[in-house]
C-alpha atoms as a PDB file:
ATOM      1  CA  MET A   1     -18.652 -19.561  46.830  1.00  0.00           C
ATOM      2  CA  SER A   2     -15.589 -19.428  44.586  1.00  0.00           C
ATOM      3  CA  GLU A   3     -12.155 -20.354  45.838  1.00  0.00           C
ATOM      4  CA  ILE A   4      -9.819 -17.407  46.405  1.00  0.00           C
ATOM      5  CA  LEU A   5      -6.308 -17.857  45.053  1.00  0.00           C
ATOM      6  CA  ARG A   6      -3.440 -15.768  46.344  1.00  0.00           C
ATOM      7  CA  LEU A   7       0.306 -15.697  46.557  1.00  0.00           C
ATOM      8  CA  ARG A   8       1.901 -17.082  49.679  1.00  0.00           C
ATOM      9  CA  ASP A   9       2.615 -14.224  52.095  1.00  0.00           C
ATOM     10  CA  GLU A  10       5.505 -15.600  54.064  1.00  0.00           C
ATOM     11  CA  GLY A  11       9.031 -15.438  52.651  1.00  0.00           C
ATOM     12  CA  LEU A  12       8.028 -13.972  49.296  1.00  0.00           C
ATOM     13  CA  GLU A  13       9.220 -10.517  48.280  1.00  0.00           C
ATOM     14  CA  TRP A  14       8.534  -9.110  44.830  1.00  0.00           C
ATOM     15  CA  ARG A  15       8.653  -5.957  42.756  1.00  0.00           C
ATOM     16  CA  LEU A  16       7.128  -4.897  39.468  1.00  0.00           C
ATOM     17  CA  LEU A  17       9.929  -3.654  37.191  1.00  0.00           C
ATOM     18  CA  GLU A  18       9.253  -2.430  33.670  1.00  0.00           C
ATOM     19  CA  GLY A  19       6.078  -4.488  33.425  1.00  0.00           C
ATOM     20  CA  GLU A  20       7.629  -7.714  34.692  1.00  0.00           C
ATOM     21  CA  VAL A  21       7.840  -9.228  38.165  1.00  0.00           C
ATOM     22  CA  VAL A  22      11.093 -10.031  39.927  1.00  0.00           C
ATOM     23  CA  ALA A  23      10.607 -12.059  43.085  1.00  0.00           C
ATOM     24  CA  LEU A  24      12.676 -13.614  45.836  1.00  0.00           C
ATOM     25  CA  ASP A  25      11.397 -16.746  47.542  1.00  0.00           C
ATOM     26  CA  SER A  26      13.577 -16.554  50.646  1.00  0.00           C
ATOM     27  CA  SER A  27      12.347 -19.869  52.051  1.00  0.00           C
ATOM     28  CA  ALA A  28      13.614 -21.707  48.956  1.00  0.00           C
ATOM     29  CA  GLU A  29      16.445 -19.224  48.316  1.00  0.00           C
ATOM     30  CA  LYS A  30      15.341 -18.718  44.699  1.00  0.00           C
ATOM     31  CA  TYR A  31      14.923 -15.714  42.470  1.00  0.00           C
ATOM     32  CA  LEU A  32      12.001 -15.787  40.058  1.00  0.00           C
ATOM     33  CA  SER A  33      10.970 -13.636  37.145  1.00  0.00           C
ATOM     34  CA  VAL A  34       7.570 -13.370  35.531  1.00  0.00           C
ATOM     35  CA  ASN A  35       6.857 -11.854  32.109  1.00  0.00           C
ATOM     36  CA  ARG A  36       4.268  -9.167  31.352  1.00  0.00           C
ATOM     37  CA  THR A  37       1.386 -11.636  31.041  1.00  0.00           C
ATOM     38  CA  GLY A  38       2.307 -13.344  34.287  1.00  0.00           C
ATOM     39  CA  ALA A  39       2.726  -9.954  35.967  1.00  0.00           C
ATOM     40  CA  VAL A  40      -0.956  -9.172  35.351  1.00  0.00           C
ATOM     41  CA  LEU A  41      -1.873 -12.419  37.090  1.00  0.00           C
ATOM     42  CA  TRP A  42       0.750 -12.006  39.825  1.00  0.00           C
ATOM     43  CA  SER A  43      -0.585  -8.594  40.845  1.00  0.00           C
ATOM     44  CA  ALA A  44      -4.135  -9.958  41.035  1.00  0.00           C
ATOM     45  CA  LEU A  45      -2.966 -12.975  43.026  1.00  0.00           C
ATOM     46  CA  ALA A  46      -1.168 -10.690  45.476  1.00  0.00           C
ATOM     47  CA  ARG A  47      -4.571  -9.215  46.368  1.00  0.00           C
ATOM     48  CA  GLY A  48      -6.492 -12.481  46.038  1.00  0.00           C
ATOM     49  CA  ALA A  49      -8.696 -13.431  43.110  1.00  0.00           C
ATOM     50  CA  THR A  50     -10.905 -16.225  41.851  1.00  0.00           C
ATOM     51  CA  ARG A  51     -10.063 -18.261  38.764  1.00  0.00           C
ATOM     52  CA  ALA A  52     -12.883 -16.474  36.916  1.00  0.00           C
ATOM     53  CA  ASP A  53     -11.438 -13.079  37.918  1.00  0.00           C
ATOM     54  CA  LEU A  54      -8.036 -14.080  36.571  1.00  0.00           C
ATOM     55  CA  ILE A  55      -9.443 -15.340  33.270  1.00  0.00           C
ATOM     56  CA  ALA A  56     -11.341 -12.069  32.882  1.00  0.00           C
ATOM     57  CA  ARG A  57      -8.127 -10.092  33.522  1.00  0.00           C
ATOM     58  CA  LEU A  58      -6.344 -11.993  30.765  1.00  0.00           C
ATOM     59  CA  THR A  59      -9.131 -11.588  28.210  1.00  0.00           C
ATOM     60  CA  GLU A  60      -9.436  -7.866  28.995  1.00  0.00           C
ATOM     61  CA  GLU A  61      -5.713  -7.110  29.008  1.00  0.00           C
ATOM     62  CA  PHE A  62      -4.707  -9.263  26.043  1.00  0.00           C
ATOM     63  CA  ASP A  63      -6.510 -10.152  22.852  1.00  0.00           C
ATOM     64  CA  VAL A  64      -7.190 -13.802  23.725  1.00  0.00           C
ATOM     65  CA  ASP A  65     -10.353 -15.834  23.996  1.00  0.00           C
ATOM     66  CA  GLU A  66     -11.573 -17.348  27.228  1.00  0.00           C
ATOM     67  CA  GLU A  67     -10.460 -20.887  26.351  1.00  0.00           C
ATOM     68  CA  LEU A  68      -6.848 -19.863  25.697  1.00  0.00           C
ATOM     69  CA  ALA A  69      -6.833 -17.616  28.776  1.00  0.00           C
ATOM     70  CA  ALA A  70      -8.087 -20.505  30.940  1.00  0.00           C
ATOM     71  CA  ARG A  71      -5.478 -22.902  29.571  1.00  0.00           C
ATOM     72  CA  ASP A  72      -2.630 -20.416  30.114  1.00  0.00           C
ATOM     73  CA  LEU A  73      -3.917 -19.525  33.574  1.00  0.00           C
ATOM     74  CA  ASP A  74      -4.080 -23.165  34.647  1.00  0.00           C
ATOM     75  CA  ALA A  75      -0.474 -23.711  33.519  1.00  0.00           C
ATOM     76  CA  PHE A  76       0.660 -20.588  35.407  1.00  0.00           C
ATOM     77  CA  LEU A  77      -1.199 -21.619  38.570  1.00  0.00           C
ATOM     78  CA  ALA A  78       0.250 -25.141  38.363  1.00  0.00           C
ATOM     79  CA  ALA A  79       3.774 -23.705  38.117  1.00  0.00           C
ATOM     80  CA  LEU A  80       3.192 -21.459  41.136  1.00  0.00           C
ATOM     81  CA  GLU A  81       1.700 -24.329  43.105  1.00  0.00           C
ATOM     82  CA  ALA A  82       4.609 -26.649  42.237  1.00  0.00           C
ATOM     83  CA  GLN A  83       6.970 -24.056  43.720  1.00  0.00           C
ATOM     84  CA  GLY A  84       4.840 -23.637  46.843  1.00  0.00           C
ATOM     85  CA  LEU A  85       3.918 -20.047  46.016  1.00  0.00           C
ATOM     86  CA  LEU A  86       0.141 -20.408  45.757  1.00  0.00           C
ATOM     87  CA  ALA A  87      -2.332 -20.384  48.636  1.00  0.00           C
ATOM     88  CA  ARG A  88      -5.951 -21.433  48.224  1.00  0.00           C
ATOM     89  CA  GLY A  89      -8.874 -20.542  50.429  1.00  0.00           C
ATOM     90  CA  ALA A  90     -12.476 -19.386  50.675  1.00  0.00           C
END
């Protein structure tokens, strides 16, 4: 079974504005913004998605190959995890 990745529920408020995400992490008292590419991933992570699902979203939405999508995804996930915004589970 593939691991489900999702955004942390508690203390995280966000809105999609003009194709980008603006978020408030109230537990860290930080505002965040995510560009259009990240917004595609953010929306999927809000619902919960596997790594494979997220790579597929990037390759479908943008004209990139799977290798580049995977590399960009891993960097995005690492940034979210470093800020305590990513939850992992089955």
